[in-house]
Amino acid sequence: MYLVAKTLTGDTNVAPNFKPVEFDTFRKQAGLNSFNLTPKKWIEATDAIGLISKSGRYGGTYAHKDINN
C-alpha cells in the first residue's frame, strides 16, 4: 500500500506508469460483496511496479525490499 499512497499523493517518481483511473475503479467496487481483487489483477490493471505475483508451486506474492519497510 506504500506504493499506492505515494502514487496518489502525486509522487510520479515512484511509479510513473501507474494508472490512477484503474485504481478508482477498484476503489468504487471495494464495498461490494462480489468484489475480488487479487495481487495479479492489481499488478496488471494498474501497471504497478515493485510487486511480483507467481502462481503454482513455490509461487506467491513478493514485494521489492523498499516497499516492505
C-alpha atoms as a PDB file:
ATOM      1  CA  MET A   1       0.000   0.000   0.000  1.00  0.00           C
ATOM      2  CA  TYR A   2       3.017   2.292   0.333  1.00  0.00           C
ATOM      3  CA  LEU A   3       3.306   2.422  -3.446  1.00  0.00           C
ATOM      4  CA  VAL A   4      -0.371   3.283  -3.794  1.00  0.00           C
ATOM      5  CA  ALA A   5      -0.144   6.037  -1.192  1.00  0.00           C
ATOM      6  CA  LYS A   6       2.941   7.556  -2.790  1.00  0.00           C
ATOM      7  CA  THR A   7       1.325   7.482  -6.224  1.00  0.00           C
ATOM      8  CA  LEU A   8      -1.913   9.062  -5.075  1.00  0.00           C
ATOM      9  CA  THR A   9      -0.043  11.907  -3.391  1.00  0.00           C
ATOM     10  CA  GLY A  10       1.496  12.827  -6.736  1.00  0.00           C
ATOM     11  CA  ASP A  11       4.925  11.266  -6.406  1.00  0.00           C
ATOM     12  CA  THR A  12       5.325  10.114 -10.009  1.00  0.00           C
ATOM     13  CA  ASN A  13       8.975   9.239  -9.444  1.00  0.00           C
ATOM     14  CA  VAL A  14       7.834   6.139  -7.592  1.00  0.00           C
ATOM     15  CA  ALA A  15       5.542   4.755 -10.305  1.00  0.00           C
ATOM     16  CA  PRO A  16       5.440   6.892 -13.443  1.00  0.00           C
ATOM     17  CA  ASN A  17       3.242   4.410 -15.378  1.00  0.00           C
ATOM     18  CA  PHE A  18       0.679   3.857 -12.621  1.00  0.00           C
ATOM     19  CA  LYS A  19      -2.909   4.077 -13.913  1.00  0.00           C
ATOM     20  CA  PRO A  20      -4.983   6.048 -11.370  1.00  0.00           C
ATOM     21  CA  VAL A  21      -8.172   5.546 -13.406  1.00  0.00           C
ATOM     22  CA  GLU A  22      -7.961   1.795 -12.806  1.00  0.00           C
ATOM     23  CA  PHE A  23      -7.355   2.435  -9.111  1.00  0.00           C
ATOM     24  CA  ASP A  24     -10.562   4.493  -8.943  1.00  0.00           C
ATOM     25  CA  THR A  25     -12.465   1.570 -10.476  1.00  0.00           C
ATOM     26  CA  PHE A  26     -11.186  -0.766  -7.753  1.00  0.00           C
ATOM     27  CA  ARG A  27     -11.961   1.778  -5.051  1.00  0.00           C
ATOM     28  CA  LYS A  28     -15.575   2.138  -6.213  1.00  0.00           C
ATOM     29  CA  GLN A  29     -16.111  -1.632  -6.309  1.00  0.00           C
ATOM     30  CA  ALA A  30     -14.458  -2.293  -2.939  1.00  0.00           C
ATOM     31  CA  GLY A  31     -17.702  -2.096  -0.953  1.00  0.00           C
ATOM     32  CA  LEU A  32     -19.471  -4.757  -2.994  1.00  0.00           C
ATOM     33  CA  ASN A  33     -19.764  -8.309  -1.676  1.00  0.00           C
ATOM     34  CA  SER A  34     -18.837  -9.659  -5.097  1.00  0.00           C
ATOM     35  CA  PHE A  35     -15.594  -7.670  -5.270  1.00  0.00           C
ATOM     36  CA  ASN A  36     -12.498  -9.831  -5.569  1.00  0.00           C
ATOM     37  CA  LEU A  37      -9.067  -8.292  -6.067  1.00  0.00           C
ATOM     38  CA  THR A  38      -6.026 -10.482  -6.496  1.00  0.00           C
ATOM     39  CA  PRO A  39      -2.440  -9.242  -6.485  1.00  0.00           C
ATOM     40  CA  LYS A  40      -2.058 -10.330 -10.093  1.00  0.00           C
ATOM     41  CA  LYS A  41      -5.177  -8.397 -11.137  1.00  0.00           C
ATOM     42  CA  TRP A  42      -3.881  -5.304  -9.303  1.00  0.00           C
ATOM     43  CA  ILE A  43      -0.450  -5.508 -10.944  1.00  0.00           C
ATOM     44  CA  GLU A  44      -1.818  -5.997 -14.451  1.00  0.00           C
ATOM     45  CA  ALA A  45      -4.561  -3.377 -14.248  1.00  0.00           C
ATOM     46  CA  THR A  46      -2.529  -0.564 -12.703  1.00  0.00           C
ATOM     47  CA  ASP A  47       0.945  -1.325 -14.106  1.00  0.00           C
ATOM     48  CA  ALA A  48       2.186  -1.472 -10.516  1.00  0.00           C
ATOM     49  CA  ILE A  49       5.924  -1.782 -10.077  1.00  0.00           C
ATOM     50  CA  GLY A  50       7.821  -3.480  -7.290  1.00  0.00           C
ATOM     51  CA  LEU A  51       5.309  -6.317  -6.928  1.00  0.00           C
ATOM     52  CA  ILE A  52       5.642  -9.809  -8.375  1.00  0.00           C
ATOM     53  CA  SER A  53       2.911 -12.424  -8.311  1.00  0.00           C
ATOM     54  CA  LYS A  54       3.703 -16.002  -9.312  1.00  0.00           C
ATOM     55  CA  SER A  55       1.257 -18.858  -9.432  1.00  0.00           C
ATOM     56  CA  GLY A  56       1.883 -22.542  -8.982  1.00  0.00           C
ATOM     57  CA  ARG A  57       4.317 -24.404  -6.823  1.00  0.00           C
ATOM     58  CA  TYR A  58       6.709 -22.085  -4.985  1.00  0.00           C
ATOM     59  CA  GLY A  59       4.589 -19.184  -6.142  1.00  0.00           C
ATOM     60  CA  GLY A  60       3.389 -16.271  -4.092  1.00  0.00           C
ATOM     61  CA  THR A  61       3.316 -12.520  -3.998  1.00  0.00           C
ATOM     62  CA  TYR A  62       6.578 -10.722  -3.449  1.00  0.00           C
ATOM     63  CA  ALA A  63       7.338  -7.043  -2.957  1.00  0.00           C
ATOM     64  CA  HIS A  64      10.505  -5.078  -3.572  1.00  0.00           C
ATOM     65  CA  LYS A  65      12.537  -4.618  -0.409  1.00  0.00           C
ATOM     66  CA  ASP A  66      11.890  -0.849  -0.368  1.00  0.00           C
ATOM     67  CA  ILE A  67       8.115  -1.439  -0.306  1.00  0.00           C
ATOM     68  CA  ASN A  68       8.326  -3.906   2.586  1.00  0.00           C
ATOM     69  CA  ASN A  69       9.552  -1.247   5.014  1.00  0.00           C
END
